[in-house]
Amino acid sequence: MKKMRLVLPFMVLLACSAWAQMANMDHATMNSVLEKGLKQAEGEFVGAADAMPEDKYSFAPTNGEFKGVRTYAQQIKHVAAVNYIVGAAILGEKSPVDVGGENGPDSIKTKADVMKFLKDSFTYAHKAMASVDDKNAVASMKSPFGSGDTTRLAMAIVLISHPFDHYGQMVEYLRMNGIVPPASR
C-alpha cells in the first residue's frame, strides 16, 4: 500500500507530462520543428567551439589517418562559411559576408574572431530558416554547391545536420587534448 502512494502520484505526473507534450504537438509547424533542430545544433556546436582554449585552435591530429585534416579553428570556420552559403541560397540572396569559399576567410585567425564569425553565421542561418514554410519548402531551387537543383527543405536540413558532422570531429579533437565536451559534462 505504501508503494501505491508513491507510484500513483508518479503515474499522474507522467500522464500529465505526456498530455502536455501531445498538446504542444498540435501547435508544431514544419518551421518550428526545423528551428528547434537548428537551435540544438547551434547550442552543441557553439559550446564545443568555445571549449577549446585559443592556444589549441591550431590543433589537428597527426597520428593515424589524419593527414591533411582541418585544424580546430578550420572546422569551426568551415561550418560558419557553409551556414552563410546555405542561408544565402535559401533566402535567394548574396551572402552578407565574404566567406572566401567553404573554408571561411583566411583573415579570421583569433578565437574571438572565429567565435564571432560562427555566432553571426548562426544568426543568419536562423533568418534563413525562418523563411522556410509550407509554400516554399519543396519548390525547386539551385543548389549552392553546383549539384543541380535542390529544395529549401533539403538546405534547411543541411543547416541542422552539417554542424553535427563536424561536432563529432571536434569532440575527438577536444578529447585528444584532455577536454571533456560541454554536452558530456
Protein backbone atom coordinates (compact mmCIF):
# COMPACT_ATOMS: atom_id res chain seq x y z
CA MET A 1 0.00 0.00 0.00
CA LYS A 2 2.86 2.39 0.81
CA LYS A 3 4.31 1.70 -2.63
CA MET A 4 0.99 2.63 -4.23
CA ARG A 5 1.12 6.00 -2.50
CA LEU A 6 4.42 6.65 -4.26
CA VAL A 7 3.52 5.09 -7.61
CA LEU A 8 0.14 6.78 -8.05
CA PRO A 9 1.44 10.39 -7.92
CA PHE A 10 4.28 9.41 -10.24
CA MET A 11 1.82 7.89 -12.75
CA VAL A 12 -0.37 11.01 -12.61
CA LEU A 13 2.67 13.21 -13.19
CA LEU A 14 3.78 11.03 -16.10
CA ALA A 15 0.31 11.14 -17.67
CA CYS A 16 0.14 14.94 -17.30
CA SER A 17 3.56 15.32 -18.88
CA ALA A 18 2.59 13.11 -21.85
CA TRP A 19 -0.66 15.03 -22.28
CA ALA A 20 1.19 18.38 -22.20
CA GLN A 21 3.65 17.18 -24.84
CA MET A 22 0.82 15.99 -27.08
CA ALA A 23 -0.94 19.33 -26.67
CA ASN A 24 2.23 21.14 -27.73
CA MET A 25 2.49 18.95 -30.83
CA ASP A 26 -0.83 20.32 -32.04
CA HIS A 27 0.84 23.71 -32.49
CA ALA A 28 4.02 22.45 -34.15
CA THR A 29 4.73 23.58 -37.67
CA MET A 30 7.35 22.41 -40.09
CA ASN A 31 9.21 25.63 -39.44
CA SER A 32 9.07 25.31 -35.66
CA VAL A 33 10.47 21.78 -35.89
CA LEU A 34 13.28 22.94 -38.19
CA GLU A 35 14.03 25.90 -35.93
CA LYS A 36 14.21 23.64 -32.88
CA GLY A 37 16.71 21.41 -34.69
CA LEU A 38 18.84 24.40 -35.67
CA LYS A 39 18.85 25.72 -32.10
CA GLN A 40 20.02 22.33 -30.86
CA ALA A 41 22.79 22.14 -33.48
CA GLU A 42 23.85 25.69 -32.63
CA GLY A 43 23.95 25.02 -28.90
CA GLU A 44 26.05 21.88 -29.21
CA PHE A 45 28.40 23.28 -31.84
CA VAL A 46 28.99 26.73 -30.32
CA GLY A 47 29.57 25.14 -26.91
CA ALA A 48 32.18 22.78 -28.35
CA ALA A 49 33.80 25.59 -30.35
CA ASP A 50 34.20 27.68 -27.22
CA ALA A 51 35.50 24.78 -25.10
CA MET A 52 38.90 24.62 -26.79
CA PRO A 53 41.46 27.13 -25.45
CA GLU A 54 42.75 29.60 -28.01
CA ASP A 55 46.27 28.17 -27.92
CA LYS A 56 44.82 24.83 -29.17
CA TYR A 57 42.77 26.32 -32.02
CA SER A 58 45.56 25.33 -34.43
CA PHE A 59 45.41 21.70 -33.25
CA ALA A 60 44.88 18.96 -35.80
CA PRO A 61 45.56 15.28 -35.10
CA THR A 62 48.60 13.82 -36.83
CA ASN A 63 48.71 10.20 -35.65
CA GLY A 64 46.95 7.56 -37.72
CA GLU A 65 44.85 8.50 -40.74
CA PHE A 66 44.64 12.22 -40.03
CA LYS A 67 46.84 13.60 -42.82
CA GLY A 68 45.54 16.88 -44.16
CA VAL A 69 42.56 17.26 -41.82
CA ARG A 70 41.31 20.66 -40.77
CA THR A 71 42.56 22.32 -37.61
CA TYR A 72 40.07 23.02 -34.83
CA ALA A 73 39.64 26.62 -36.00
CA GLN A 74 39.25 25.49 -39.60
CA GLN A 75 36.46 23.09 -38.59
CA ILE A 76 34.59 25.99 -36.99
CA LYS A 77 35.19 28.41 -39.86
CA HIS A 78 34.05 25.77 -42.36
CA VAL A 79 30.73 25.26 -40.58
CA ALA A 80 30.22 29.01 -40.31
CA ALA A 81 31.01 29.51 -44.01
CA VAL A 82 28.58 26.77 -45.02
CA ASN A 83 25.92 28.34 -42.77
CA TYR A 84 26.30 31.56 -44.76
CA ILE A 85 26.39 29.79 -48.15
CA VAL A 86 23.30 27.69 -47.43
CA GLY A 87 21.48 30.55 -45.71
CA ALA A 88 22.04 32.81 -48.72
CA ALA A 89 20.77 30.09 -51.07
CA ILE A 90 17.61 29.59 -49.01
CA LEU A 91 16.98 33.34 -48.95
CA GLY A 92 17.86 33.74 -52.64
CA GLU A 93 20.39 36.45 -51.92
CA LYS A 94 24.11 37.06 -51.81
CA SER A 95 25.81 36.17 -48.51
CA PRO A 96 26.06 39.25 -46.27
CA VAL A 97 29.75 38.47 -45.67
CA ASP A 98 32.54 37.33 -47.97
CA VAL A 99 33.11 33.79 -46.72
CA GLY A 100 36.04 33.09 -49.03
CA GLY A 101 34.65 29.68 -50.01
CA GLU A 102 33.65 26.71 -47.90
CA ASN A 103 36.66 27.07 -45.58
CA GLY A 104 35.91 30.61 -44.46
CA PRO A 105 38.08 33.71 -44.74
CA ASP A 106 41.81 33.31 -44.15
CA SER A 107 41.80 36.68 -42.37
CA ILE A 108 39.88 35.28 -39.39
CA LYS A 109 42.52 33.90 -37.04
CA THR A 110 41.89 34.61 -33.33
CA LYS A 111 39.47 32.61 -31.23
CA ALA A 112 37.40 35.74 -30.62
CA ASP A 113 37.13 36.40 -34.36
CA VAL A 114 36.34 32.75 -35.15
CA MET A 115 33.64 32.66 -32.47
CA LYS A 116 32.11 35.92 -33.74
CA PHE A 117 32.10 34.59 -37.32
CA LEU A 118 30.44 31.39 -36.07
CA LYS A 119 27.78 33.08 -33.92
CA ASP A 120 26.96 35.58 -36.67
CA SER A 121 26.59 32.69 -39.14
CA PHE A 122 24.04 31.02 -36.90
CA THR A 123 22.12 34.31 -36.61
CA TYR A 124 21.99 34.37 -40.41
CA ALA A 125 21.05 30.67 -40.53
CA HIS A 126 18.10 31.38 -38.21
CA LYS A 127 17.00 34.19 -40.53
CA ALA A 128 17.13 31.78 -43.46
CA MET A 129 15.36 29.03 -41.52
CA ALA A 130 12.54 31.42 -40.61
CA SER A 131 11.83 31.89 -44.33
CA VAL A 132 11.17 28.18 -44.95
CA ASP A 133 7.45 27.49 -44.92
CA ASP A 134 4.85 25.09 -46.27
CA LYS A 135 4.57 27.08 -49.50
CA ASN A 136 8.27 27.16 -50.50
CA ALA A 137 9.82 24.19 -48.68
CA VAL A 138 9.84 21.77 -51.59
CA ALA A 139 9.91 24.20 -54.50
CA SER A 140 12.92 23.62 -56.73
CA MET A 141 15.90 25.93 -56.30
CA LYS A 142 19.52 25.95 -57.45
CA SER A 143 21.94 24.18 -55.13
CA PRO A 144 24.68 26.44 -53.77
CA PHE A 145 27.11 23.55 -54.25
CA GLY A 146 26.69 23.27 -58.02
CA SER A 147 24.99 19.88 -57.90
CA GLY A 148 21.84 20.82 -59.79
CA ASP A 149 18.54 21.56 -58.13
CA THR A 150 17.54 21.11 -54.52
CA THR A 151 14.84 22.43 -52.18
CA ARG A 152 14.78 24.85 -49.27
CA LEU A 153 13.79 21.96 -47.03
CA ALA A 154 16.88 19.99 -48.09
CA MET A 155 19.06 23.04 -47.44
CA ALA A 156 17.37 23.60 -44.05
CA ILE A 157 18.29 20.03 -43.15
CA VAL A 158 21.90 20.81 -44.12
CA LEU A 159 21.85 23.73 -41.67
CA ILE A 160 20.94 21.24 -38.94
CA SER A 161 22.97 18.17 -39.92
CA HIS A 162 26.23 19.73 -41.14
CA PRO A 163 27.23 21.23 -37.77
CA PHE A 164 26.65 17.83 -36.16
CA ASP A 165 29.00 16.18 -38.70
CA HIS A 166 31.79 18.48 -37.60
CA TYR A 167 30.75 18.44 -33.95
CA GLY A 168 31.65 14.75 -33.89
CA GLN A 169 35.10 15.54 -35.22
CA MET A 170 35.55 18.38 -32.76
CA VAL A 171 34.66 16.10 -29.86
CA GLU A 172 37.59 13.90 -30.87
CA TYR A 173 39.90 16.93 -31.02
CA LEU A 174 38.73 18.09 -27.58
CA ARG A 175 39.22 14.67 -26.01
CA MET A 176 42.68 14.33 -27.59
CA ASN A 177 43.52 17.50 -25.66
CA GLY A 178 42.09 16.26 -22.36
CA ILE A 179 38.93 18.38 -22.60
CA VAL A 180 35.50 16.91 -21.91
CA PRO A 181 32.99 18.41 -24.37
CA PRO A 182 30.37 20.61 -22.67
CA ALA A 183 27.49 18.33 -23.72
CA SER A 184 29.20 15.40 -21.96
CA ARG A 185 29.85 17.18 -18.69
